[in-house]
Amino acid sequence: DTAATRSLEVLKQISSTGYLRKRLPHELMQQQEIGGEISDTSSVDVGAIVATKPMSVKGDADPVMNARAKAKLQGYEGDPCSDCGNYTLVRNGTCMKCNTCGGTSGCS
């Protein structure tokens, strides 16, 4: 395979059609120029190529990210409580309230 074909294969695997907007990225064009293989890419419809191979999504690919998303949905800010040290502070107006011990911080 040529360098251009390999580059298109990589693009098919990692890019979305919305990001590309049916044109090749500048990095790919520069890579082709450096390699000495300049080809006419104006007729290549990358959106159609990428759309033919859907990517599979696994349910629990990253449990740490799922835990973070769950904590954010519960309203936790990610700061530790000054009283108990747990990371269960939620907004309570302009204050922060700990869901574990009930302590508050940032209130006047």
PDB file of N, CA and C in Angstrom:
ATOM      1  N   ASP A   1       0.828  -1.194   0.000  1.00  0.00           N
ATOM      2  CA  ASP A   1       0.000   0.000   0.000  1.00  0.00           C
ATOM      3  C   ASP A   1       0.869   1.253   0.000  1.00  0.00           C
ATOM      4  N   THR A   2       0.313   2.308  -0.517  1.00  0.00           N
ATOM      5  CA  THR A   2       1.027   3.578  -0.508  1.00  0.00           C
ATOM      6  C   THR A   2       0.783   4.287   0.812  1.00  0.00           C
ATOM      7  N   ALA A   3       1.547   5.330   1.048  1.00  0.00           N
ATOM      8  CA  ALA A   3       1.396   6.106   2.284  1.00  0.00           C
ATOM      9  C   ALA A   3       0.023   6.758   2.341  1.00  0.00           C
ATOM     10  N   ALA A   4      -0.484   7.200   1.205  1.00  0.00           N
ATOM     11  CA  ALA A   4      -1.806   7.835   1.173  1.00  0.00           C
ATOM     12  C   ALA A   4      -2.897   6.846   1.544  1.00  0.00           C
ATOM     13  N   THR A   5      -2.784   5.615   1.075  1.00  0.00           N
ATOM     14  CA  THR A   5      -3.783   4.599   1.396  1.00  0.00           C
ATOM     15  C   THR A   5      -3.747   4.265   2.877  1.00  0.00           C
ATOM     16  N   ARG A   6      -2.545   4.133   3.431  1.00  0.00           N
ATOM     17  CA  ARG A   6      -2.429   3.860   4.867  1.00  0.00           C
ATOM     18  C   ARG A   6      -2.998   5.014   5.684  1.00  0.00           C
ATOM     19  N   SER A   7      -2.738   6.236   5.253  1.00  0.00           N
ATOM     20  CA  SER A   7      -3.254   7.402   5.970  1.00  0.00           C
ATOM     21  C   SER A   7      -4.769   7.441   5.932  1.00  0.00           C
ATOM     22  N   LEU A   8      -5.353   7.103   4.798  1.00  0.00           N
ATOM     23  CA  LEU A   8      -6.808   7.069   4.707  1.00  0.00           C
ATOM     24  C   LEU A   8      -7.393   5.985   5.599  1.00  0.00           C
ATOM     25  N   GLU A   9      -6.702   4.859   5.718  1.00  0.00           N
ATOM     26  CA  GLU A   9      -7.170   3.797   6.602  1.00  0.00           C
ATOM     27  C   GLU A   9      -7.183   4.269   8.051  1.00  0.00           C
ATOM     28  N   VAL A  10      -6.142   5.001   8.445  1.00  0.00           N
ATOM     29  CA  VAL A  10      -6.095   5.539   9.803  1.00  0.00           C
ATOM     30  C   VAL A  10      -7.234   6.528  10.010  1.00  0.00           C
ATOM     31  N   LEU A  11      -7.468   7.375   9.026  1.00  0.00           N
ATOM     32  CA  LEU A  11      -8.570   8.342   9.119  1.00  0.00           C
ATOM     33  C   LEU A  11      -9.910   7.649   9.261  1.00  0.00           C
ATOM     34  N   LYS A  12     -10.099   6.572   8.537  1.00  0.00           N
ATOM     35  CA  LYS A  12     -11.361   5.832   8.621  1.00  0.00           C
ATOM     36  C   LYS A  12     -11.603   5.309  10.027  1.00  0.00           C
ATOM     37  N   GLN A  13     -10.544   4.908  10.697  1.00  0.00           N
ATOM     38  CA  GLN A  13     -10.680   4.290  12.011  1.00  0.00           C
ATOM     39  C   GLN A  13     -10.898   5.300  13.127  1.00  0.00           C
ATOM     40  N   ILE A  14     -10.319   6.493  13.031  1.00  0.00           N
ATOM     41  CA  ILE A  14     -10.349   7.390  14.186  1.00  0.00           C
ATOM     42  C   ILE A  14     -11.145   8.669  13.993  1.00  0.00           C
ATOM     43  N   SER A  15     -11.618   8.967  12.804  1.00  0.00           N
ATOM     44  CA  SER A  15     -12.280  10.244  12.569  1.00  0.00           C
ATOM     45  C   SER A  15     -13.777  10.089  12.414  1.00  0.00           C
ATOM     46  N   SER A  16     -14.468  11.164  12.734  1.00  0.00           N
ATOM     47  CA  SER A  16     -15.909  11.194  12.508  1.00  0.00           C
ATOM     48  C   SER A  16     -16.195  12.058  11.291  1.00  0.00           C
ATOM     49  N   THR A  17     -17.321  11.844  10.668  1.00  0.00           N
ATOM     50  CA  THR A  17     -17.644  12.615   9.471  1.00  0.00           C
ATOM     51  C   THR A  17     -17.935  14.065   9.812  1.00  0.00           C
ATOM     52  N   GLY A  18     -18.440  14.347  10.985  1.00  0.00           N
ATOM     53  CA  GLY A  18     -18.720  15.721  11.381  1.00  0.00           C
ATOM     54  C   GLY A  18     -17.445  16.526  11.534  1.00  0.00           C
ATOM     55  N   TYR A  19     -16.394  15.898  12.036  1.00  0.00           N
ATOM     56  CA  TYR A  19     -15.127  16.587  12.230  1.00  0.00           C
ATOM     57  C   TYR A  19     -14.456  16.890  10.895  1.00  0.00           C
ATOM     58  N   LEU A  20     -14.488  15.957   9.985  1.00  0.00           N
ATOM     59  CA  LEU A  20     -13.787  16.127   8.714  1.00  0.00           C
ATOM     60  C   LEU A  20     -14.498  17.069   7.763  1.00  0.00           C
ATOM     61  N   ARG A  21     -15.815  17.116   7.830  1.00  0.00           N
ATOM     62  CA  ARG A  21     -16.619  17.928   6.919  1.00  0.00           C
ATOM     63  C   ARG A  21     -16.244  17.665   5.457  1.00  0.00           C
ATOM     64  N   LYS A  22     -16.036  16.381   5.168  1.00  0.00           N
ATOM     65  CA  LYS A  22     -15.780  15.875   3.810  1.00  0.00           C
ATOM     66  C   LYS A  22     -14.512  16.444   3.175  1.00  0.00           C
ATOM     67  N   ARG A  23     -13.511  16.699   3.973  1.00  0.00           N
ATOM     68  CA  ARG A  23     -12.221  17.112   3.410  1.00  0.00           C
ATOM     69  C   ARG A  23     -11.109  16.515   4.263  1.00  0.00           C
ATOM     70  N   LEU A  24      -9.967  16.363   3.672  1.00  0.00           N
ATOM     71  CA  LEU A  24      -8.836  15.777   4.372  1.00  0.00           C
ATOM     72  C   LEU A  24      -8.160  16.828   5.249  1.00  0.00           C
ATOM     73  N   PRO A  25      -7.668  16.435   6.427  1.00  0.00           N
ATOM     74  CA  PRO A  25      -6.982  17.393   7.295  1.00  0.00           C
ATOM     75  C   PRO A  25      -5.658  17.844   6.697  1.00  0.00           C
ATOM     76  N   HIS A  26      -5.201  19.021   7.132  1.00  0.00           N
ATOM     77  CA  HIS A  26      -3.956  19.592   6.615  1.00  0.00           C
ATOM     78  C   HIS A  26      -2.752  18.723   6.960  1.00  0.00           C
ATOM     79  N   GLU A  27      -2.777  18.040   8.118  1.00  0.00           N
ATOM     80  CA  GLU A  27      -1.652  17.200   8.502  1.00  0.00           C
ATOM     81  C   GLU A  27      -1.437  16.073   7.489  1.00  0.00           C
ATOM     82  N   LEU A  28      -2.522  15.507   6.983  1.00  0.00           N
ATOM     83  CA  LEU A  28      -2.415  14.441   5.996  1.00  0.00           C
ATOM     84  C   LEU A  28      -1.837  14.983   4.697  1.00  0.00           C
ATOM     85  N   MET A  29      -2.271  16.173   4.311  1.00  0.00           N
ATOM     86  CA  MET A  29      -1.747  16.772   3.082  1.00  0.00           C
ATOM     87  C   MET A  29      -0.250  17.039   3.225  1.00  0.00           C
ATOM     88  N   GLN A  30       0.187  17.540   4.398  1.00  0.00           N
ATOM     89  CA  GLN A  30       1.600  17.805   4.617  1.00  0.00           C
ATOM     90  C   GLN A  30       2.402  16.510   4.611  1.00  0.00           C
ATOM     91  N   GLN A  31       1.837  15.458   5.191  1.00  0.00           N
ATOM     92  CA  GLN A  31       2.521  14.169   5.223  1.00  0.00           C
ATOM     93  C   GLN A  31       2.706  13.640   3.804  1.00  0.00           C
ATOM     94  N   GLN A  32       1.706  13.806   2.971  1.00  0.00           N
ATOM     95  CA  GLN A  32       1.810  13.333   1.596  1.00  0.00           C
ATOM     96  C   GLN A  32       2.860  14.133   0.836  1.00  0.00           C
ATOM     97  N   GLU A  33       2.945  15.447   1.095  1.00  0.00           N
ATOM     98  CA  GLU A  33       3.935  16.275   0.409  1.00  0.00           C
ATOM     99  C   GLU A  33       5.346  15.905   0.852  1.00  0.00           C
ATOM    100  N   ILE A  34       5.526  15.645   2.135  1.00  0.00           N
ATOM    101  CA  ILE A  34       6.844  15.270   2.647  1.00  0.00           C
ATOM    102  C   ILE A  34       7.277  13.931   2.064  1.00  0.00           C
ATOM    103  N   GLY A  35       6.347  12.993   1.970  1.00  0.00           N
ATOM    104  CA  GLY A  35       6.659  11.674   1.438  1.00  0.00           C
ATOM    105  C   GLY A  35       6.864  11.667  -0.065  1.00  0.00           C
ATOM    106  N   GLY A  36       6.591  12.775  -0.724  1.00  0.00           N
ATOM    107  CA  GLY A  36       6.771  12.844  -2.159  1.00  0.00           C
ATOM    108  C   GLY A  36       5.621  12.252  -2.942  1.00  0.00           C
ATOM    109  N   GLU A  37       4.576  11.860  -2.259  1.00  0.00           N
ATOM    110  CA  GLU A  37       3.420  11.279  -2.938  1.00  0.00           C
ATOM    111  C   GLU A  37       2.254  12.252  -2.853  1.00  0.00           C
ATOM    112  N   ILE A  38       2.205  13.187  -3.760  1.00  0.00           N
ATOM    113  CA  ILE A  38       1.115  14.149  -3.795  1.00  0.00           C
ATOM    114  C   ILE A  38       0.080  13.627  -4.772  1.00  0.00           C
ATOM    115  N   SER A  39      -1.128  13.490  -4.272  1.00  0.00           N
ATOM    116  CA  SER A  39      -2.190  12.999  -5.136  1.00  0.00           C
ATOM    117  C   SER A  39      -3.360  13.961  -5.092  1.00  0.00           C
ATOM    118  N   ASP A  40      -4.227  13.871  -6.058  1.00  0.00           N
ATOM    119  CA  ASP A  40      -5.407  14.721  -6.125  1.00  0.00           C
ATOM    120  C   ASP A  40      -6.440  14.189  -5.147  1.00  0.00           C
ATOM    121  N   THR A  41      -6.662  14.921  -4.055  1.00  0.00           N
ATOM    122  CA  THR A  41      -7.613  14.481  -3.032  1.00  0.00           C
ATOM    123  C   THR A  41      -8.940  15.207  -3.137  1.00  0.00           C
ATOM    124  N   SER A  42      -9.102  16.039  -4.146  1.00  0.00           N
ATOM    125  CA  SER A  42     -10.354  16.793  -4.252  1.00  0.00           C
ATOM    126  C   SER A  42     -11.531  15.889  -4.587  1.00  0.00           C
ATOM    127  N   SER A  43     -11.276  14.734  -5.175  1.00  0.00           N
ATOM    128  CA  SER A  43     -12.376  13.847  -5.537  1.00  0.00           C
ATOM    129  C   SER A  43     -12.648  12.777  -4.485  1.00  0.00           C
ATOM    130  N   VAL A  44     -11.867  12.745  -3.407  1.00  0.00           N
ATOM    131  CA  VAL A  44     -12.062  11.751  -2.361  1.00  0.00           C
ATOM    132  C   VAL A  44     -13.135  12.244  -1.401  1.00  0.00           C
ATOM    133  N   ASP A  45     -14.197  11.462  -1.246  1.00  0.00           N
ATOM    134  CA  ASP A  45     -15.270  11.791  -0.314  1.00  0.00           C
ATOM    135  C   ASP A  45     -15.024  11.015   0.970  1.00  0.00           C
ATOM    136  N   VAL A  46     -14.260  11.625   1.870  1.00  0.00           N
ATOM    137  CA  VAL A  46     -13.869  10.959   3.097  1.00  0.00           C
ATOM    138  C   VAL A  46     -15.087  10.654   3.955  1.00  0.00           C
ATOM    139  N   GLY A  47     -16.087  11.514   3.938  1.00  0.00           N
ATOM    140  CA  GLY A  47     -17.296  11.287   4.723  1.00  0.00           C
ATOM    141  C   GLY A  47     -17.975   9.990   4.354  1.00  0.00           C
ATOM    142  N   ALA A  48     -18.044   9.686   3.088  1.00  0.00           N
ATOM    143  CA  ALA A  48     -18.672   8.442   2.647  1.00  0.00           C
ATOM    144  C   ALA A  48     -17.821   7.239   3.034  1.00  0.00           C
ATOM    145  N   ILE A  49     -16.505   7.382   2.971  1.00  0.00           N
ATOM    146  CA  ILE A  49     -15.615   6.282   3.320  1.00  0.00           C
ATOM    147  C   ILE A  49     -15.716   5.974   4.809  1.00  0.00           C
ATOM    148  N   VAL A  50     -15.679   7.006   5.631  1.00  0.00           N
ATOM    149  CA  VAL A  50     -15.727   6.816   7.074  1.00  0.00           C
ATOM    150  C   VAL A  50     -17.077   6.271   7.505  1.00  0.00           C
ATOM    151  N   ALA A  51     -18.141   6.706   6.848  1.00  0.00           N
ATOM    152  CA  ALA A  51     -19.484   6.282   7.239  1.00  0.00           C
ATOM    153  C   ALA A  51     -19.729   4.805   6.941  1.00  0.00           C
ATOM    154  N   THR A  52     -18.932   4.199   6.068  1.00  0.00           N
ATOM    155  CA  THR A  52     -19.169   2.804   5.721  1.00  0.00           C
ATOM    156  C   THR A  52     -18.719   1.840   6.807  1.00  0.00           C
ATOM    157  N   LYS A  53     -17.860   2.267   7.714  1.00  0.00           N
ATOM    158  CA  LYS A  53     -17.360   1.379   8.758  1.00  0.00           C
ATOM    159  C   LYS A  53     -17.689   1.971  10.128  1.00  0.00           C
ATOM    160  N   PRO A  54     -18.836   1.585  10.719  1.00  0.00           N
ATOM    161  CA  PRO A  54     -19.187   2.138  12.023  1.00  0.00           C
ATOM    162  C   PRO A  54     -18.282   1.579  13.114  1.00  0.00           C
ATOM    163  N   MET A  55     -18.022   2.394  14.112  1.00  0.00           N
ATOM    164  CA  MET A  55     -17.185   1.959  15.221  1.00  0.00           C
ATOM    165  C   MET A  55     -18.059   1.319  16.286  1.00  0.00           C
ATOM    166  N   SER A  56     -17.532   0.299  16.935  1.00  0.00           N
ATOM    167  CA  SER A  56     -18.281  -0.359  18.001  1.00  0.00           C
ATOM    168  C   SER A  56     -17.990   0.342  19.322  1.00  0.00           C
ATOM    169  N   VAL A  57     -19.011   0.432  20.163  1.00  0.00           N
ATOM    170  CA  VAL A  57     -18.884   1.071  21.460  1.00  0.00           C
ATOM    171  C   VAL A  57     -19.168   0.032  22.533  1.00  0.00           C
ATOM    172  N   LYS A  58     -18.259  -0.093  23.469  1.00  0.00           N
ATOM    173  CA  LYS A  58     -18.434  -1.052  24.551  1.00  0.00           C
ATOM    174  C   LYS A  58     -19.125  -0.367  25.718  1.00  0.00           C
ATOM    175  N   GLY A  59     -19.922  -1.117  26.457  1.00  0.00           N
ATOM    176  CA  GLY A  59     -20.727  -0.565  27.535  1.00  0.00           C
ATOM    177  C   GLY A  59     -19.928   0.118  28.630  1.00  0.00           C
ATOM    178  N   ASP A  60     -19.092  -0.602  29.336  1.00  0.00           N
ATOM    179  CA  ASP A  60     -18.314  -0.043  30.431  1.00  0.00           C
ATOM    180  C   ASP A  60     -16.845  -0.025  30.046  1.00  0.00           C
ATOM    181  N   ALA A  61     -16.505   0.797  29.073  1.00  0.00           N
ATOM    182  CA  ALA A  61     -15.139   0.845  28.577  1.00  0.00           C
ATOM    183  C   ALA A  61     -14.193   1.398  29.641  1.00  0.00           C
ATOM    184  N   ASP A  62     -14.609   2.409  30.386  1.00  0.00           N
ATOM    185  CA  ASP A  62     -13.754   3.011  31.395  1.00  0.00           C
ATOM    186  C   ASP A  62     -14.562   3.241  32.664  1.00  0.00           C
ATOM    187  N   PRO A  63     -14.476   2.330  33.631  1.00  0.00           N
ATOM    188  CA  PRO A  63     -15.288   2.467  34.842  1.00  0.00           C
ATOM    189  C   PRO A  63     -14.960   3.718  35.648  1.00  0.00           C
ATOM    190  N   VAL A  64     -13.705   4.211  35.573  1.00  0.00           N
ATOM    191  CA  VAL A  64     -13.344   5.426  36.306  1.00  0.00           C
ATOM    192  C   VAL A  64     -14.099   6.622  35.741  1.00  0.00           C
ATOM    193  N   MET A  65     -14.164   6.723  34.409  1.00  0.00           N
ATOM    194  CA  MET A  65     -14.898   7.829  33.796  1.00  0.00           C
ATOM    195  C   MET A  65     -16.383   7.720  34.100  1.00  0.00           C
ATOM    196  N   ASN A  66     -16.920   6.502  34.150  1.00  0.00           N
ATOM    197  CA  ASN A  66     -18.328   6.324  34.490  1.00  0.00           C
ATOM    198  C   ASN A  66     -18.589   6.777  35.922  1.00  0.00           C
ATOM    199  N   ALA A  67     -17.674   6.494  36.836  1.00  0.00           N
ATOM    200  CA  ALA A  67     -17.829   6.920  38.225  1.00  0.00           C
ATOM    201  C   ALA A  67     -17.770   8.439  38.334  1.00  0.00           C
ATOM    202  N   ARG A  68     -16.883   9.065  37.562  1.00  0.00           N
ATOM    203  CA  ARG A  68     -16.797  10.529  37.566  1.00  0.00           C
ATOM    204  C   ARG A  68     -18.077  11.150  37.042  1.00  0.00           C
ATOM    205  N   ALA A  69     -18.588  10.605  35.950  1.00  0.00           N
ATOM    206  CA  ALA A  69     -19.823  11.136  35.375  1.00  0.00           C
ATOM    207  C   ALA A  69     -20.978  10.982  36.354  1.00  0.00           C
ATOM    208  N   LYS A  70     -21.040   9.856  37.041  1.00  0.00           N
ATOM    209  CA  LYS A  70     -22.101   9.631  38.027  1.00  0.00           C
ATOM    210  C   LYS A  70     -21.991  10.633  39.170  1.00  0.00           C
ATOM    211  N   ALA A  71     -20.769  10.878  39.650  1.00  0.00           N
ATOM    212  CA  ALA A  71     -20.566  11.835  40.735  1.00  0.00           C
ATOM    213  C   ALA A  71     -20.971  13.240  40.314  1.00  0.00           C
ATOM    214  N   LYS A  72     -20.636  13.629  39.088  1.00  0.00           N
ATOM    215  CA  LYS A  72     -21.029  14.952  38.587  1.00  0.00           C
ATOM    216  C   LYS A  72     -22.541  15.066  38.486  1.00  0.00           C
ATOM    217  N   LEU A  73     -23.200  13.990  38.050  1.00  0.00           N
ATOM    218  CA  LEU A  73     -24.659  14.009  37.960  1.00  0.00           C
ATOM    219  C   LEU A  73     -25.303  14.136  39.336  1.00  0.00           C
ATOM    220  N   GLN A  74     -24.645  13.622  40.373  1.00  0.00           N
ATOM    221  CA  GLN A  74     -25.167  13.737  41.729  1.00  0.00           C
ATOM    222  C   GLN A  74     -24.880  15.104  42.335  1.00  0.00           C
ATOM    223  N   GLY A  75     -24.132  15.944  41.618  1.00  0.00           N
ATOM    224  CA  GLY A  75     -23.879  17.305  42.078  1.00  0.00           C
ATOM    225  C   GLY A  75     -22.580  17.506  42.816  1.00  0.00           C
ATOM    226  N   TYR A  76     -21.760  16.474  42.953  1.00  0.00           N
ATOM    227  CA  TYR A  76     -20.508  16.615  43.676  1.00  0.00           C
ATOM    228  C   TYR A  76     -19.553  17.495  42.885  1.00  0.00           C
ATOM    229  N   GLU A  77     -18.869  18.399  43.607  1.00  0.00           N
ATOM    230  CA  GLU A  77     -17.977  19.364  42.971  1.00  0.00           C
ATOM    231  C   GLU A  77     -16.554  18.841  42.806  1.00  0.00           C
ATOM    232  N   GLY A  78     -16.160  17.854  43.598  1.00  0.00           N
ATOM    233  CA  GLY A  78     -14.814  17.294  43.485  1.00  0.00           C
ATOM    234  C   GLY A  78     -13.840  17.847  44.497  1.00  0.00           C
ATOM    235  N   ASP A  79     -14.308  18.702  45.408  1.00  0.00           N
ATOM    236  CA  ASP A  79     -13.452  19.242  46.458  1.00  0.00           C
ATOM    237  C   ASP A  79     -13.636  18.423  47.734  1.00  0.00           C
ATOM    238  N   PRO A  80     -12.574  18.284  48.543  1.00  0.00           N
ATOM    239  CA  PRO A  80     -12.720  17.528  49.793  1.00  0.00           C
ATOM    240  C   PRO A  80     -13.376  18.374  50.886  1.00  0.00           C
ATOM    241  N   CYS A  81     -14.106  17.719  51.749  1.00  0.00           N
ATOM    242  CA  CYS A  81     -14.724  18.378  52.898  1.00  0.00           C
ATOM    243  C   CYS A  81     -13.630  18.705  53.912  1.00  0.00           C
ATOM    244  N   SER A  82     -13.669  19.912  54.490  1.00  0.00           N
ATOM    245  CA  SER A  82     -12.648  20.302  55.470  1.00  0.00           C
ATOM    246  C   SER A  82     -12.845  19.592  56.808  1.00  0.00           C
ATOM    247  N   ASP A  83     -14.051  19.077  57.064  1.00  0.00           N
ATOM    248  CA  ASP A  83     -14.315  18.388  58.332  1.00  0.00           C
ATOM    249  C   ASP A  83     -13.996  16.896  58.254  1.00  0.00           C
ATOM    250  N   CYS A  84     -14.571  16.193  57.275  1.00  0.00           N
ATOM    251  CA  CYS A  84     -14.421  14.733  57.224  1.00  0.00           C
ATOM    252  C   CYS A  84     -13.479  14.250  56.120  1.00  0.00           C
ATOM    253  N   GLY A  85     -13.160  15.098  55.148  1.00  0.00           N
ATOM    254  CA  GLY A  85     -12.226  14.721  54.088  1.00  0.00           C
ATOM    255  C   GLY A  85     -12.846  13.997  52.907  1.00  0.00           C
ATOM    256  N   ASN A  86     -14.142  13.707  52.958  1.00  0.00           N
ATOM    257  CA  ASN A  86     -14.802  13.035  51.832  1.00  0.00           C
ATOM    258  C   ASN A  86     -15.027  14.018  50.685  1.00  0.00           C
ATOM    259  N   TYR A  87     -15.093  13.480  49.490  1.00  0.00           N
ATOM    260  CA  TYR A  87     -15.297  14.295  48.293  1.00  0.00           C
ATOM    261  C   TYR A  87     -16.780  14.361  47.936  1.00  0.00           C
ATOM    262  N   THR A  88     -17.607  14.673  48.912  1.00  0.00           N
ATOM    263  CA  THR A  88     -19.055  14.683  48.686  1.00  0.00           C
ATOM    264  C   THR A  88     -19.642  16.073  48.881  1.00  0.00           C
ATOM    265  N   LEU A  89     -18.897  17.119  48.514  1.00  0.00           N
ATOM    266  CA  LEU A  89     -19.406  18.484  48.619  1.00  0.00           C
ATOM    267  C   LEU A  89     -20.316  18.801  47.445  1.00  0.00           C
ATOM    268  N   VAL A  90     -21.467  19.378  47.762  1.00  0.00           N
ATOM    269  CA  VAL A  90     -22.415  19.813  46.735  1.00  0.00           C
ATOM    270  C   VAL A  90     -22.709  21.291  46.954  1.00  0.00           C
ATOM    271  N   ARG A  91     -23.122  21.966  45.897  1.00  0.00           N
ATOM    272  CA  ARG A  91     -23.480  23.384  45.990  1.00  0.00           C
ATOM    273  C   ARG A  91     -24.752  23.537  46.801  1.00  0.00           C
ATOM    274  N   ASN A  92     -24.745  24.531  47.676  1.00  0.00           N
ATOM    275  CA  ASN A  92     -25.920  24.880  48.460  1.00  0.00           C
ATOM    276  C   ASN A  92     -26.001  26.403  48.435  1.00  0.00           C
ATOM    277  N   GLY A  93     -26.524  26.947  47.336  1.00  0.00           N
ATOM    278  CA  GLY A  93     -26.486  28.398  47.126  1.00  0.00           C
ATOM    279  C   GLY A  93     -25.069  28.795  46.788  1.00  0.00           C
ATOM    280  N   THR A  94     -24.499  29.713  47.600  1.00  0.00           N
ATOM    281  CA  THR A  94     -23.097  30.090  47.390  1.00  0.00           C
ATOM    282  C   THR A  94     -22.169  29.259  48.260  1.00  0.00           C
ATOM    283  N   CYS A  95     -22.731  28.448  49.134  1.00  0.00           N
ATOM    284  CA  CYS A  95     -21.947  27.604  50.047  1.00  0.00           C
ATOM    285  C   CYS A  95     -21.731  26.219  49.444  1.00  0.00           C
ATOM    286  N   MET A  96     -20.867  25.472  50.110  1.00  0.00           N
ATOM    287  CA  MET A  96     -20.664  24.067  49.791  1.00  0.00           C
ATOM    288  C   MET A  96     -21.085  23.269  51.015  1.00  0.00           C
ATOM    289  N   LYS A  97     -21.888  22.222  50.801  1.00  0.00           N
ATOM    290  CA  LYS A  97     -22.377  21.391  51.901  1.00  0.00           C
ATOM    291  C   LYS A  97     -21.916  19.960  51.667  1.00  0.00           C
ATOM    292  N   CYS A  98     -21.457  19.301  52.717  1.00  0.00           N
ATOM    293  CA  CYS A  98     -21.003  17.919  52.626  1.00  0.00           C
ATOM    294  C   CYS A  98     -22.188  16.989  52.819  1.00  0.00           C
ATOM    295  N   ASN A  99     -22.391  16.082  51.876  1.00  0.00           N
ATOM    296  CA  ASN A  99     -23.481  15.109  51.989  1.00  0.00           C
ATOM    297  C   ASN A  99     -23.177  14.026  53.017  1.00  0.00           C
ATOM    298  N   THR A 100     -21.909  13.854  53.387  1.00  0.00           N
ATOM    299  CA  THR A 100     -21.541  12.814  54.337  1.00  0.00           C
ATOM    300  C   THR A 100     -21.727  13.267  55.787  1.00  0.00           C
ATOM    301  N   CYS A 101     -21.104  14.403  56.150  1.00  0.00           N
ATOM    302  CA  CYS A 101     -21.154  14.836  57.546  1.00  0.00           C
ATOM    303  C   CYS A 101     -22.065  16.037  57.773  1.00  0.00           C
ATOM    304  N   GLY A 102     -22.480  16.717  56.712  1.00  0.00           N
ATOM    305  CA  GLY A 102     -23.355  17.879  56.850  1.00  0.00           C
ATOM    306  C   GLY A 102     -22.621  19.183  57.068  1.00  0.00           C
ATOM    307  N   GLY A 103     -21.304  19.145  57.103  1.00  0.00           N
ATOM    308  CA  GLY A 103     -20.514  20.357  57.301  1.00  0.00           C
ATOM    309  C   GLY A 103     -20.635  21.299  56.115  1.00  0.00           C
ATOM    310  N   THR A 104     -20.445  22.595  56.373  1.00  0.00           N
ATOM    311  CA  THR A 104     -20.525  23.598  55.309  1.00  0.00           C
ATOM    312  C   THR A 104     -19.209  24.339  55.211  1.00  0.00           C
ATOM    313  N   SER A 105     -18.949  24.885  54.038  1.00  0.00           N
ATOM    314  CA  SER A 105     -17.759  25.707  53.834  1.00  0.00           C
ATOM    315  C   SER A 105     -18.089  26.788  52.826  1.00  0.00           C
ATOM    316  N   GLY A 106     -17.393  27.907  52.935  1.00  0.00           N
ATOM    317  CA  GLY A 106     -17.610  29.011  52.014  1.00  0.00           C
ATOM    318  C   GLY A 106     -18.783  29.891  52.377  1.00  0.00           C
ATOM    319  N   CYS A 107     -19.410  29.641  53.502  1.00  0.00           N
ATOM    320  CA  CYS A 107     -20.539  30.463  53.941  1.00  0.00           C
ATOM    321  C   CYS A 107     -20.029  31.560  54.867  1.00  0.00           C
ATOM    322  N   SER A 108     -20.739  32.666  54.881  1.00  0.00           N
ATOM    323  CA  SER A 108     -20.317  33.747  55.774  1.00  0.00           C
ATOM    324  C   SER A 108     -21.157  33.790  57.021  1.00  0.00           C
TER     325      SER A 108
END
